[in-house]
Amino acid sequence: KSGCFPGGVNKVASGDQCAQLFTDKMGDSS
């Protein structure tokens, strides 16, 4: 289901078509 998997159901021409995300710590927890 990856956007870059050849022949996948969610194939996109560029990663710019994907939601852009990042991770970060939430509050004081790990």
PDB file of all heavy atoms in Angstrom:
ATOM      1  N   LYS A   1       0.814  -1.209   0.000  1.00  0.00           N
ATOM      2  CA  LYS A   1       0.000   0.000   0.000  1.00  0.00           C
ATOM      3  C   LYS A   1       0.851   1.264   0.000  1.00  0.00           C
ATOM      4  O   LYS A   1       0.338   2.360   0.032  1.00  0.00           O
ATOM      5  CB  LYS A   1      -0.933   0.000   1.207  1.00  0.00           C
ATOM      6  CG  LYS A   1      -1.971  -1.107   1.124  1.00  0.00           C
ATOM      7  CD  LYS A   1      -2.928  -1.023   2.262  1.00  0.00           C
ATOM      8  CE  LYS A   1      -3.984  -2.119   2.144  1.00  0.00           C
ATOM      9  NZ  LYS A   1      -4.973  -2.032   3.185  1.00  0.00           N
ATOM     10  N   SER A   2       2.176   1.117  -0.032  1.00  0.00           N
ATOM     11  CA  SER A   2       3.079   2.256  -0.039  1.00  0.00           C
ATOM     12  C   SER A   2       2.909   3.075  -1.312  1.00  0.00           C
ATOM     13  O   SER A   2       2.604   2.538  -2.377  1.00  0.00           O
ATOM     14  CB  SER A   2       4.519   1.753   0.062  1.00  0.00           C
ATOM     15  OG  SER A   2       5.421   2.789  -0.188  1.00  0.00           O
ATOM     16  N   GLY A   3       3.165   4.365  -1.212  1.00  0.00           N
ATOM     17  CA  GLY A   3       3.057   5.241  -2.379  1.00  0.00           C
ATOM     18  C   GLY A   3       4.112   4.984  -3.430  1.00  0.00           C
ATOM     19  O   GLY A   3       3.987   5.422  -4.561  1.00  0.00           O
ATOM     20  N   CYS A   4       5.178   4.274  -3.071  1.00  0.00           N
ATOM     21  CA  CYS A   4       6.240   4.026  -4.059  1.00  0.00           C
ATOM     22  C   CYS A   4       6.306   2.568  -4.492  1.00  0.00           C
ATOM     23  O   CYS A   4       7.140   2.212  -5.310  1.00  0.00           O
ATOM     24  CB  CYS A   4       7.588   4.461  -3.493  1.00  0.00           C
ATOM     25  SG  CYS A   4       8.147   3.489  -2.102  1.00  0.00           S
ATOM     26  N   PHE A   5       5.433   1.728  -3.977  1.00  0.00           N
ATOM     27  CA  PHE A   5       5.480   0.312  -4.345  1.00  0.00           C
ATOM     28  C   PHE A   5       5.033   0.146  -5.795  1.00  0.00           C
ATOM     29  O   PHE A   5       3.937   0.557  -6.169  1.00  0.00           O
ATOM     30  CB  PHE A   5       4.574  -0.509  -3.423  1.00  0.00           C
ATOM     31  CG  PHE A   5       4.784  -1.985  -3.558  1.00  0.00           C
ATOM     32  CD1 PHE A   5       5.789  -2.624  -2.846  1.00  0.00           C
ATOM     33  CD2 PHE A   5       3.995  -2.742  -4.408  1.00  0.00           C
ATOM     34  CE1 PHE A   5       6.007  -3.984  -2.983  1.00  0.00           C
ATOM     35  CE2 PHE A   5       4.198  -4.098  -4.554  1.00  0.00           C
ATOM     36  CZ  PHE A   5       5.207  -4.724  -3.832  1.00  0.00           C
ATOM     37  N   PRO A   6       5.896  -0.441  -6.646  1.00  0.00           N
ATOM     38  CA  PRO A   6       5.539  -0.603  -8.066  1.00  0.00           C
ATOM     39  C   PRO A   6       4.224  -1.365  -8.238  1.00  0.00           C
ATOM     40  O   PRO A   6       4.061  -2.458  -7.719  1.00  0.00           O
ATOM     41  CB  PRO A   6       6.705  -1.409  -8.641  1.00  0.00           C
ATOM     42  CG  PRO A   6       7.831  -1.189  -7.680  1.00  0.00           C
ATOM     43  CD  PRO A   6       7.194  -1.020  -6.323  1.00  0.00           C
ATOM     44  N   GLY A   7       3.287  -0.759  -8.930  1.00  0.00           N
ATOM     45  CA  GLY A   7       1.995  -1.399  -9.172  1.00  0.00           C
ATOM     46  C   GLY A   7       1.073  -1.373  -7.966  1.00  0.00           C
ATOM     47  O   GLY A   7      -0.001  -1.954  -7.990  1.00  0.00           O
ATOM     48  N   GLY A   8       1.496  -0.694  -6.891  1.00  0.00           N
ATOM     49  CA  GLY A   8       0.676  -0.636  -5.680  1.00  0.00           C
ATOM     50  C   GLY A   8      -0.592   0.170  -5.877  1.00  0.00           C
ATOM     51  O   GLY A   8      -0.699   0.996  -6.788  1.00  0.00           O
ATOM     52  N   VAL A   9      -1.561  -0.036  -5.012  1.00  0.00           N
ATOM     53  CA  VAL A   9      -2.857   0.644  -5.136  1.00  0.00           C
ATOM     54  C   VAL A   9      -2.758   2.128  -4.847  1.00  0.00           C
ATOM     55  O   VAL A   9      -3.625   2.899  -5.234  1.00  0.00           O
ATOM     56  CB  VAL A   9      -3.913  -0.001  -4.210  1.00  0.00           C
ATOM     57  CG1 VAL A   9      -4.194  -1.434  -4.598  1.00  0.00           C
ATOM     58  CG2 VAL A   9      -3.480   0.072  -2.750  1.00  0.00           C
ATOM     59  N   ASN A  10      -1.713   2.560  -4.166  1.00  0.00           N
ATOM     60  CA  ASN A  10      -1.554   3.972  -3.818  1.00  0.00           C
ATOM     61  C   ASN A  10      -0.386   4.631  -4.548  1.00  0.00           C
ATOM     62  O   ASN A  10       0.145   5.634  -4.099  1.00  0.00           O
ATOM     63  CB  ASN A  10      -1.352   4.112  -2.301  1.00  0.00           C
ATOM     64  CG  ASN A  10      -2.585   3.717  -1.542  1.00  0.00           C
ATOM     65  OD1 ASN A  10      -3.691   4.050  -1.922  1.00  0.00           O
ATOM     66  ND2 ASN A  10      -2.414   2.980  -0.463  1.00  0.00           N
ATOM     67  N   LYS A  11       0.009   4.089  -5.683  1.00  0.00           N
ATOM     68  CA  LYS A  11       1.164   4.579  -6.442  1.00  0.00           C
ATOM     69  C   LYS A  11       1.020   6.067  -6.754  1.00  0.00           C
ATOM     70  O   LYS A  11      -0.024   6.519  -7.206  1.00  0.00           O
ATOM     71  CB  LYS A  11       1.300   3.780  -7.735  1.00  0.00           C
ATOM     72  CG  LYS A  11       2.451   4.196  -8.615  1.00  0.00           C
ATOM     73  CD  LYS A  11       3.735   3.594  -8.131  1.00  0.00           C
ATOM     74  CE  LYS A  11       4.835   3.884  -9.137  1.00  0.00           C
ATOM     75  NZ  LYS A  11       6.101   4.067  -8.535  1.00  0.00           N
ATOM     76  N   VAL A  12       2.090   6.817  -6.476  1.00  0.00           N
ATOM     77  CA  VAL A  12       2.133   8.239  -6.815  1.00  0.00           C
ATOM     78  C   VAL A  12       3.385   8.503  -7.639  1.00  0.00           C
ATOM     79  O   VAL A  12       4.357   7.759  -7.581  1.00  0.00           O
ATOM     80  CB  VAL A  12       2.134   9.133  -5.549  1.00  0.00           C
ATOM     81  CG1 VAL A  12       0.818   9.025  -4.816  1.00  0.00           C
ATOM     82  CG2 VAL A  12       3.290   8.807  -4.634  1.00  0.00           C
ATOM     83  N   ALA A  13       3.363   9.567  -8.415  1.00  0.00           N
ATOM     84  CA  ALA A  13       4.494   9.903  -9.268  1.00  0.00           C
ATOM     85  C   ALA A  13       5.622  10.562  -8.476  1.00  0.00           C
ATOM     86  O   ALA A  13       6.777  10.503  -8.865  1.00  0.00           O
ATOM     87  CB  ALA A  13       4.040  10.827 -10.393  1.00  0.00           C
ATOM     88  N   SER A  14       5.278  11.194  -7.362  1.00  0.00           N
ATOM     89  CA  SER A  14       6.270  11.920  -6.576  1.00  0.00           C
ATOM     90  C   SER A  14       5.886  11.900  -5.099  1.00  0.00           C
ATOM     91  O   SER A  14       4.698  11.904  -4.758  1.00  0.00           O
ATOM     92  CB  SER A  14       6.338  13.376  -7.060  1.00  0.00           C
ATOM     93  OG  SER A  14       7.032  14.183  -6.149  1.00  0.00           O
ATOM     94  N   GLY A  15       6.888  11.911  -4.229  1.00  0.00           N
ATOM     95  CA  GLY A  15       6.632  11.969  -2.798  1.00  0.00           C
ATOM     96  C   GLY A  15       5.939  13.251  -2.380  1.00  0.00           C
ATOM     97  O   GLY A  15       5.361  13.340  -1.295  1.00  0.00           O
ATOM     98  N   ASP A  16       5.985  14.275  -3.249  1.00  0.00           N
ATOM     99  CA  ASP A  16       5.284  15.522  -2.950  1.00  0.00           C
ATOM    100  C   ASP A  16       3.771  15.320  -2.899  1.00  0.00           C
ATOM    101  O   ASP A  16       3.048  16.165  -2.376  1.00  0.00           O
ATOM    102  CB  ASP A  16       5.613  16.591  -4.000  1.00  0.00           C
ATOM    103  CG  ASP A  16       7.052  17.079  -3.884  1.00  0.00           C
ATOM    104  OD1 ASP A  16       7.661  16.892  -2.804  1.00  0.00           O
ATOM    105  OD2 ASP A  16       7.568  17.628  -4.865  1.00  0.00           O
ATOM    106  N   GLN A  17       3.282  14.222  -3.460  1.00  0.00           N
ATOM    107  CA  GLN A  17       1.852  13.928  -3.438  1.00  0.00           C
ATOM    108  C   GLN A  17       1.424  13.249  -2.135  1.00  0.00           C
ATOM    109  O   GLN A  17       0.252  13.027  -1.917  1.00  0.00           O
ATOM    110  CB  GLN A  17       1.489  13.043  -4.629  1.00  0.00           C
ATOM    111  CG  GLN A  17       1.704  13.730  -5.960  1.00  0.00           C
ATOM    112  CD  GLN A  17       1.511  12.775  -7.112  1.00  0.00           C
ATOM    113  OE1 GLN A  17       2.368  11.955  -7.408  1.00  0.00           O
ATOM    114  NE2 GLN A  17       0.359  12.874  -7.749  1.00  0.00           N
ATOM    115  N   CYS A  18       2.395  12.914  -1.285  1.00  0.00           N
ATOM    116  CA  CYS A  18       2.118  12.278   0.004  1.00  0.00           C
ATOM    117  C   CYS A  18       1.965  13.337   1.088  1.00  0.00           C
ATOM    118  O   CYS A  18       2.490  14.437   0.970  1.00  0.00           O
ATOM    119  CB  CYS A  18       3.265  11.352   0.389  1.00  0.00           C
ATOM    120  SG  CYS A  18       3.571  10.005  -0.766  1.00  0.00           S
ATOM    121  N   ALA A  19       1.278  12.997   2.153  1.00  0.00           N
ATOM    122  CA  ALA A  19       1.214  13.870   3.315  1.00  0.00           C
ATOM    123  C   ALA A  19       2.622  13.961   3.900  1.00  0.00           C
ATOM    124  O   ALA A  19       3.312  12.952   4.029  1.00  0.00           O
ATOM    125  CB  ALA A  19       0.244  13.312   4.350  1.00  0.00           C
ATOM    126  N   GLN A  20       3.067  15.157   4.224  1.00  0.00           N
ATOM    127  CA  GLN A  20       4.398  15.374   4.785  1.00  0.00           C
ATOM    128  C   GLN A  20       4.268  15.420   6.308  1.00  0.00           C
ATOM    129  O   GLN A  20       3.502  16.216   6.851  1.00  0.00           O
ATOM    130  CB  GLN A  20       4.986  16.691   4.267  1.00  0.00           C
ATOM    131  CG  GLN A  20       4.952  16.834   2.751  1.00  0.00           C
ATOM    132  CD  GLN A  20       5.702  15.739   2.028  1.00  0.00           C
ATOM    133  OE1 GLN A  20       6.837  15.435   2.344  1.00  0.00           O
ATOM    134  NE2 GLN A  20       5.056  15.128   1.040  1.00  0.00           N
ATOM    135  N   LEU A  21       5.002  14.545   6.985  1.00  0.00           N
ATOM    136  CA  LEU A  21       4.852  14.389   8.431  1.00  0.00           C
ATOM    137  C   LEU A  21       6.213  14.389   9.119  1.00  0.00           C
ATOM    138  O   LEU A  21       7.241  14.273   8.480  1.00  0.00           O
ATOM    139  CB  LEU A  21       4.125  13.075   8.718  1.00  0.00           C
ATOM    140  CG  LEU A  21       2.832  12.844   7.941  1.00  0.00           C
ATOM    141  CD1 LEU A  21       2.431  11.389   7.996  1.00  0.00           C
ATOM    142  CD2 LEU A  21       1.739  13.741   8.476  1.00  0.00           C
ATOM    143  N   PHE A  22       6.204  14.507  10.449  1.00  0.00           N
ATOM    144  CA  PHE A  22       7.419  14.349  11.240  1.00  0.00           C
ATOM    145  C   PHE A  22       7.032  13.848  12.620  1.00  0.00           C
ATOM    146  O   PHE A  22       5.864  13.895  13.005  1.00  0.00           O
ATOM    147  CB  PHE A  22       8.228  15.657  11.329  1.00  0.00           C
ATOM    148  CG  PHE A  22       7.600  16.721  12.193  1.00  0.00           C
ATOM    149  CD1 PHE A  22       8.045  16.930  13.491  1.00  0.00           C
ATOM    150  CD2 PHE A  22       6.573  17.517  11.717  1.00  0.00           C
ATOM    151  CE1 PHE A  22       7.482  17.915  14.298  1.00  0.00           C
ATOM    152  CE2 PHE A  22       6.000  18.509  12.506  1.00  0.00           C
ATOM    153  CZ  PHE A  22       6.464  18.698  13.803  1.00  0.00           C
ATOM    154  N   THR A  23       8.003  13.344  13.353  1.00  0.00           N
ATOM    155  CA  THR A  23       7.727  12.871  14.706  1.00  0.00           C
ATOM    156  C   THR A  23       8.400  13.799  15.704  1.00  0.00           C
ATOM    157  O   THR A  23       9.408  14.442  15.411  1.00  0.00           O
ATOM    158  CB  THR A  23       8.249  11.440  14.936  1.00  0.00           C
ATOM    159  OG1 THR A  23       9.663  11.429  14.747  1.00  0.00           O
ATOM    160  CG2 THR A  23       7.579  10.450  14.000  1.00  0.00           C
ATOM    161  N   ASP A  24       7.810  13.882  16.894  1.00  0.00           N
ATOM    162  CA  ASP A  24       8.383  14.690  17.955  1.00  0.00           C
ATOM    163  C   ASP A  24       7.883  14.152  19.287  1.00  0.00           C
ATOM    164  O   ASP A  24       6.833  13.508  19.351  1.00  0.00           O
ATOM    165  CB  ASP A  24       7.971  16.150  17.788  1.00  0.00           C
ATOM    166  CG  ASP A  24       8.897  17.106  18.540  1.00  0.00           C
ATOM    167  OD1 ASP A  24       9.869  16.654  19.170  1.00  0.00           O
ATOM    168  OD2 ASP A  24       8.642  18.321  18.480  1.00  0.00           O
ATOM    169  N   LYS A  25       8.656  14.427  20.337  1.00  0.00           N
ATOM    170  CA  LYS A  25       8.232  13.995  21.673  1.00  0.00           C
ATOM    171  C   LYS A  25       6.965  14.732  22.063  1.00  0.00           C
ATOM    172  O   LYS A  25       6.775  15.896  21.729  1.00  0.00           O
ATOM    173  CB  LYS A  25       9.327  14.253  22.692  1.00  0.00           C
ATOM    174  CG  LYS A  25      10.453  13.266  22.595  1.00  0.00           C
ATOM    175  CD  LYS A  25      11.336  13.351  23.802  1.00  0.00           C
ATOM    176  CE  LYS A  25      12.361  12.234  23.713  1.00  0.00           C
ATOM    177  NZ  LYS A  25      13.168  12.162  24.900  1.00  0.00           N
ATOM    178  N   MET A  26       6.111  14.040  22.789  1.00  0.00           N
ATOM    179  CA  MET A  26       4.848  14.608  23.244  1.00  0.00           C
ATOM    180  C   MET A  26       4.936  14.881  24.743  1.00  0.00           C
ATOM    181  O   MET A  26       5.006  13.946  25.531  1.00  0.00           O
ATOM    182  CB  MET A  26       3.692  13.652  22.938  1.00  0.00           C
ATOM    183  CG  MET A  26       3.591  13.247  21.476  1.00  0.00           C
ATOM    184  SD  MET A  26       3.283  14.609  20.364  1.00  0.00           S
ATOM    185  CE  MET A  26       1.598  14.987  20.769  1.00  0.00           C
ATOM    186  N   GLY A  27       4.989  16.145  25.123  1.00  0.00           N
ATOM    187  CA  GLY A  27       5.050  16.502  26.537  1.00  0.00           C
ATOM    188  C   GLY A  27       6.334  16.041  27.194  1.00  0.00           C
ATOM    189  O   GLY A  27       7.393  16.005  26.575  1.00  0.00           O
ATOM    190  N   ASP A  28       6.242  15.659  28.467  1.00  0.00           N
ATOM    191  CA  ASP A  28       7.408  15.235  29.235  1.00  0.00           C
ATOM    192  C   ASP A  28       7.680  13.740  29.137  1.00  0.00           C
ATOM    193  O   ASP A  28       8.636  13.250  29.722  1.00  0.00           O
ATOM    194  CB  ASP A  28       7.217  15.606  30.712  1.00  0.00           C
ATOM    195  CG  ASP A  28       7.196  17.108  30.913  1.00  0.00           C
ATOM    196  OD1 ASP A  28       7.788  17.818  30.082  1.00  0.00           O
ATOM    197  OD2 ASP A  28       6.580  17.567  31.886  1.00  0.00           O
ATOM    198  N   SER A  29       6.832  13.003  28.429  1.00  0.00           N
ATOM    199  CA  SER A  29       6.997  11.550  28.363  1.00  0.00           C
ATOM    200  C   SER A  29       7.976  11.168  27.258  1.00  0.00           C
ATOM    201  O   SER A  29       8.460  12.006  26.513  1.00  0.00           O
ATOM    202  CB  SER A  29       5.649  10.870  28.111  1.00  0.00           C
ATOM    203  OG  SER A  29       5.247  11.081  26.771  1.00  0.00           O
ATOM    204  N   SER A  30       8.259   9.886  27.167  1.00  0.00           N
ATOM    205  CA  SER A  30       9.124   9.399  26.094  1.00  0.00           C
ATOM    206  C   SER A  30       8.318   9.049  24.853  1.00  0.00           C
ATOM    207  O   SER A  30       8.872   8.595  23.865  1.00  0.00           O
ATOM    208  CB  SER A  30       9.916   8.179  26.574  1.00  0.00           C
ATOM    209  OG  SER A  30       9.023   7.135  26.911  1.00  0.00           O
TER     210      SER A  30
END
